[in-house]
C-alpha atoms as a PDB file:
ATOM      1  CA  MET A   1     -48.878  41.901 -27.289  1.00  0.00           C
ATOM      2  CA  ARG A   2     -48.291  38.140 -26.944  1.00  0.00           C
ATOM      3  CA  ASN A   3     -49.151  36.388 -23.603  1.00  0.00           C
ATOM      4  CA  THR A   4     -48.532  33.164 -21.848  1.00  0.00           C
ATOM      5  CA  ASN A   5     -49.322  31.599 -18.499  1.00  0.00           C
ATOM      6  CA  ALA A   6     -46.731  30.267 -16.079  1.00  0.00           C
ATOM      7  CA  ALA A   7     -46.215  28.638 -12.713  1.00  0.00           C
ATOM      8  CA  VAL A   8     -44.162  31.312 -10.885  1.00  0.00           C
ATOM      9  CA  LEU A   9     -42.230  30.909  -7.684  1.00  0.00           C
ATOM     10  CA  PHE A  10     -42.818  34.106  -5.729  1.00  0.00           C
ATOM     11  CA  GLN A  11     -41.729  32.844  -2.339  1.00  0.00           C
ATOM     12  CA  VAL A  12     -39.727  29.779  -1.384  1.00  0.00           C
ATOM     13  CA  GLY A  13     -41.791  27.219   0.689  1.00  0.00           C
ATOM     14  CA  LYS A  14     -45.003  28.447  -0.806  1.00  0.00           C
ATOM     15  CA  PRO A  15     -47.050  27.034  -3.806  1.00  0.00           C
ATOM     16  CA  LEU A  16     -46.346  28.292  -7.185  1.00  0.00           C
ATOM     17  CA  ARG A  17     -48.764  30.773  -8.588  1.00  0.00           C
ATOM     18  CA  HIS A  18     -50.508  30.573 -11.978  1.00  0.00           C
ATOM     19  CA  THR A  19     -49.530  33.914 -13.481  1.00  0.00           C
ATOM     20  CA  PRO A  20     -50.235  35.506 -16.780  1.00  0.00           C
ATOM     21  CA  LEU A  21     -47.038  36.878 -18.478  1.00  0.00           C
ATOM     22  CA  MET A  22     -46.468  39.110 -21.443  1.00  0.00           C
ATOM     23  CA  ILE A  23     -43.824  37.592 -23.873  1.00  0.00           C
ATOM     24  CA  PRO A  24     -41.031  39.848 -24.756  1.00  0.00           C
ATOM     25  CA  ASP A  25     -39.755  40.557 -28.337  1.00  0.00           C
ATOM     26  CA  LEU A  26     -37.227  37.829 -29.297  1.00  0.00           C
ATOM     27  CA  LYS A  27     -33.662  38.762 -29.341  1.00  0.00           C
ATOM     28  CA  SER A  28     -31.095  37.500 -31.899  1.00  0.00           C
ATOM     29  CA  GLY A  29     -30.564  33.888 -31.068  1.00  0.00           C
ATOM     30  CA  GLN A  30     -33.815  33.261 -29.160  1.00  0.00           C
ATOM     31  CA  LEU A  31     -36.976  31.327 -30.175  1.00  0.00           C
ATOM     32  CA  LEU A  32     -40.468  30.980 -28.864  1.00  0.00           C
ATOM     33  CA  VAL A  33     -41.718  27.402 -28.141  1.00  0.00           C
ATOM     34  CA  ASP A  34     -45.122  26.135 -27.284  1.00  0.00           C
ATOM     35  CA  ILE A  35     -44.590  23.819 -24.444  1.00  0.00           C
ATOM     36  CA  SER A  36     -46.233  20.489 -24.801  1.00  0.00           C
ATOM     37  CA  TYR A  37     -44.752  18.608 -21.817  1.00  0.00           C
ATOM     38  CA  SER A  38     -42.370  19.513 -18.976  1.00  0.00           C
ATOM     39  CA  GLY A  39     -40.426  17.294 -16.638  1.00  0.00           C
ATOM     40  CA  ILE A  40     -40.247  18.032 -12.946  1.00  0.00           C
ATOM     41  CA  CYS A  41     -36.678  17.793 -11.703  1.00  0.00           C
ATOM     42  CA  HIS A  42     -35.662  17.332  -8.128  1.00  0.00           C
ATOM     43  CA  THR A  43     -33.738  20.559  -8.231  1.00  0.00           C
ATOM     44  CA  ASN A  44     -36.827  22.454  -8.994  1.00  0.00           C
ATOM     45  CA  LEU A  45     -38.560  20.801  -6.030  1.00  0.00           C
ATOM     46  CA  LEU A  46     -35.534  21.659  -3.809  1.00  0.00           C
ATOM     47  CA  GLU A  47     -35.554  25.277  -4.993  1.00  0.00           C
ATOM     48  CA  ALA A  48     -39.283  25.673  -4.527  1.00  0.00           C
ATOM     49  CA  ARG A  49     -39.021  24.292  -0.954  1.00  0.00           C
ATOM     50  CA  GLY A  50     -36.126  26.504  -0.133  1.00  0.00           C
ATOM     51  CA  LYS A  51     -33.706  23.631   0.198  1.00  0.00           C
ATOM     52  CA  ARG A  52     -31.062  25.196  -2.001  1.00  0.00           C
ATOM     53  CA  GLY A  53     -30.393  28.260  -0.014  1.00  0.00           C
ATOM     54  CA  PRO A  54     -31.437  31.853  -0.386  1.00  0.00           C
ATOM     55  CA  ASP A  55     -33.013  32.680  -3.821  1.00  0.00           C
ATOM     56  CA  PRO A  56     -31.921  36.031  -5.063  1.00  0.00           C
ATOM     57  CA  PHE A  57     -33.845  35.786  -8.363  1.00  0.00           C
ATOM     58  CA  LEU A  58     -37.449  35.850  -6.906  1.00  0.00           C
ATOM     59  CA  PRO A  59     -39.964  35.936  -8.494  1.00  0.00           C
ATOM     60  CA  HIS A  60     -39.030  33.492 -11.208  1.00  0.00           C
ATOM     61  CA  THR A  61     -40.122  30.722 -13.485  1.00  0.00           C
ATOM     62  CA  LEU A  62     -39.093  27.110 -13.121  1.00  0.00           C
ATOM     63  CA  GLY A  63     -38.624  24.074 -15.344  1.00  0.00           C
ATOM     64  CA  HIS A  64     -35.524  23.103 -17.309  1.00  0.00           C
ATOM     65  CA  GLU A  65     -36.554  20.105 -19.368  1.00  0.00           C
ATOM     66  CA  GLY A  66     -39.412  19.515 -21.663  1.00  0.00           C
ATOM     67  CA  SER A  67     -40.677  19.183 -25.139  1.00  0.00           C
ATOM     68  CA  GLY A  68     -42.619  21.471 -27.556  1.00  0.00           C
ATOM     69  CA  ILE A  69     -43.082  22.972 -30.929  1.00  0.00           C
ATOM     70  CA  VAL A  70     -41.158  25.980 -32.283  1.00  0.00           C
ATOM     71  CA  VAL A  71     -43.635  28.923 -32.905  1.00  0.00           C
ATOM     72  CA  GLU A  72     -41.195  31.779 -33.851  1.00  0.00           C
ATOM     73  CA  ILE A  73     -37.481  32.167 -34.300  1.00  0.00           C
ATOM     74  CA  GLY A  74     -35.365  35.439 -33.732  1.00  0.00           C
ATOM     75  CA  ASP A  75     -32.604  36.619 -36.030  1.00  0.00           C
ATOM     76  CA  ASN A  76     -29.607  34.357 -36.531  1.00  0.00           C
ATOM     77  CA  VAL A  77     -31.310  31.101 -35.276  1.00  0.00           C
ATOM     78  CA  GLU A  78     -30.167  28.316 -37.642  1.00  0.00           C
ATOM     79  CA  LYS A  79     -30.858  24.953 -35.900  1.00  0.00           C
ATOM     80  CA  VAL A  80     -34.745  25.044 -36.211  1.00  0.00           C
ATOM     81  CA  GLN A  81     -37.780  26.556 -38.034  1.00  0.00           C
ATOM     82  CA  PRO A  82     -41.209  27.258 -36.932  1.00  0.00           C
ATOM     83  CA  GLY A  83     -43.215  24.072 -36.713  1.00  0.00           C
ATOM     84  CA  ASP A  84     -40.092  21.933 -35.715  1.00  0.00           C
ATOM     85  CA  HIS A  85     -40.458  19.650 -32.692  1.00  0.00           C
ATOM     86  CA  VAL A  86     -37.897  20.230 -30.101  1.00  0.00           C
ATOM     87  CA  VAL A  87     -36.569  18.959 -26.644  1.00  0.00           C
ATOM     88  CA  LEU A  88     -35.595  21.728 -24.222  1.00  0.00           C
ATOM     89  CA  SER A  89     -32.766  21.173 -21.754  1.00  0.00           C
ATOM     90  CA  TRP A  90     -30.642  23.103 -19.282  1.00  0.00           C
ATOM     91  CA  ILE A  91     -27.504  21.500 -20.955  1.00  0.00           C
ATOM     92  CA  LYS A  92     -25.965  23.810 -23.351  1.00  0.00           C
ATOM     93  CA  GLY A  93     -25.706  22.543 -26.977  1.00  0.00           C
ATOM     94  CA  ALA A  94     -24.594  23.953 -30.149  1.00  0.00           C
ATOM     95  CA  GLY A  95     -25.996  27.415 -31.086  1.00  0.00           C
ATOM     96  CA  ILE A  96     -26.301  30.940 -29.698  1.00  0.00           C
ATOM     97  CA  GLU A  97     -26.355  31.577 -25.961  1.00  0.00           C
ATOM     98  CA  VAL A  98     -28.448  34.538 -24.877  1.00  0.00           C
ATOM     99  CA  PRO A  99     -28.775  35.962 -21.351  1.00  0.00           C
ATOM    100  CA  SER A 100     -31.779  35.155 -19.410  1.00  0.00           C
ATOM    101  CA  THR A 101     -35.188  36.450 -20.283  1.00  0.00           C
ATOM    102  CA  SER A 102     -37.521  38.640 -18.133  1.00  0.00           C
ATOM    103  CA  TYR A 103     -41.261  38.511 -18.467  1.00  0.00           C
ATOM    104  CA  MET A 104     -43.752  41.222 -17.289  1.00  0.00           C
ATOM    105  CA  SER A 105     -46.699  40.133 -15.201  1.00  0.00           C
ATOM    106  CA  PRO A 106     -49.528  42.212 -13.476  1.00  0.00           C
ATOM    107  CA  ASP A 107     -47.353  41.971 -10.300  1.00  0.00           C
ATOM    108  CA  GLY A 108     -44.268  43.372 -12.102  1.00  0.00           C
ATOM    109  CA  PRO A 109     -41.218  41.669 -13.684  1.00  0.00           C
ATOM    110  CA  ILE A 110     -40.655  37.960 -13.551  1.00  0.00           C
ATOM    111  CA  ASN A 111     -37.073  36.548 -13.961  1.00  0.00           C
ATOM    112  CA  SER A 112     -36.422  33.462 -15.975  1.00  0.00           C
ATOM    113  CA  GLY A 113     -33.269  31.405 -16.614  1.00  0.00           C
ATOM    114  CA  ALA A 114     -31.983  30.397 -20.027  1.00  0.00           C
ATOM    115  CA  ILE A 115     -34.731  27.717 -20.117  1.00  0.00           C
ATOM    116  CA  SER A 116     -38.197  27.674 -18.395  1.00  0.00           C
ATOM    117  CA  THR A 117     -40.776  24.937 -19.074  1.00  0.00           C
ATOM    118  CA  PHE A 118     -43.456  25.512 -16.416  1.00  0.00           C
ATOM    119  CA  MET A 119     -45.297  27.738 -18.819  1.00  0.00           C
ATOM    120  CA  GLN A 120     -47.517  27.478 -21.931  1.00  0.00           C
ATOM    121  CA  ARG A 121     -45.003  29.310 -24.230  1.00  0.00           C
ATOM    122  CA  THR A 122     -41.437  30.088 -23.411  1.00  0.00           C
ATOM    123  CA  VAL A 123     -38.531  32.173 -24.807  1.00  0.00           C
ATOM    124  CA  THR A 124     -35.354  30.202 -24.937  1.00  0.00           C
ATOM    125  CA  CYS A 125     -32.082  30.377 -26.678  1.00  0.00           C
ATOM    126  CA  GLU A 126     -30.893  28.282 -29.594  1.00  0.00           C
ATOM    127  CA  ASN A 127     -28.215  26.393 -27.606  1.00  0.00           C
ATOM    128  CA  ARG A 128     -30.908  25.014 -25.118  1.00  0.00           C
ATOM    129  CA  ILE A 129     -32.976  23.181 -27.777  1.00  0.00           C
ATOM    130  CA  THR A 130     -32.542  20.028 -29.957  1.00  0.00           C
ATOM    131  CA  ARG A 131     -34.702  19.267 -32.949  1.00  0.00           C
ATOM    132  CA  ILE A 132     -36.423  15.921 -32.900  1.00  0.00           C
ATOM    133  CA  PRO A 133     -38.273  14.012 -35.513  1.00  0.00           C
ATOM    134  CA  LYS A 134     -41.849  14.861 -35.776  1.00  0.00           C
ATOM    135  CA  SER A 135     -42.656  11.151 -35.584  1.00  0.00           C
ATOM    136  CA  MET A 136     -41.413  11.061 -32.027  1.00  0.00           C
ATOM    137  CA  PRO A 137     -44.216  11.473 -29.504  1.00  0.00           C
ATOM    138  CA  LEU A 138     -43.619  14.870 -27.507  1.00  0.00           C
ATOM    139  CA  LYS A 139     -44.749  13.072 -24.269  1.00  0.00           C
ATOM    140  CA  GLU A 140     -41.908  10.648 -24.593  1.00  0.00           C
ATOM    141  CA  ALA A 141     -39.444  13.275 -25.854  1.00  0.00           C
ATOM    142  CA  ALA A 142     -39.761  15.293 -22.672  1.00  0.00           C
ATOM    143  CA  LEU A 143     -38.162  12.425 -20.870  1.00  0.00           C
ATOM    144  CA  LEU A 144     -34.961  12.734 -22.898  1.00  0.00           C
END
């Protein structure tokens, strides 16, 4: 069983909790990425503080922009290969769209959107990543 660690929002207005998660098997169109850097967007801060209204998806992961390295690809992924450097974004691009992923934690299921970067390794879909040159520093790429 593959594992990762994530900062999970269990309750709005409370600190995120460092939580171990089991990584699910990849579906067609999904890929597994080692997150190198993650941005912190104002919408994540507003959501965690409860400033975006009721949150029906609790508990869930956060983070929708970052950079990393592809570890594994699911069936039908054509844009990248393991070892490729990528930028992850909430903005849809070319490629396969896959419904949100759910992870399992010691506390039960943890919801995740199409992209989640507040974790060590994340499952995302092909249309949320863009391959970048390996010469581009991942720290800088996270800002794109």
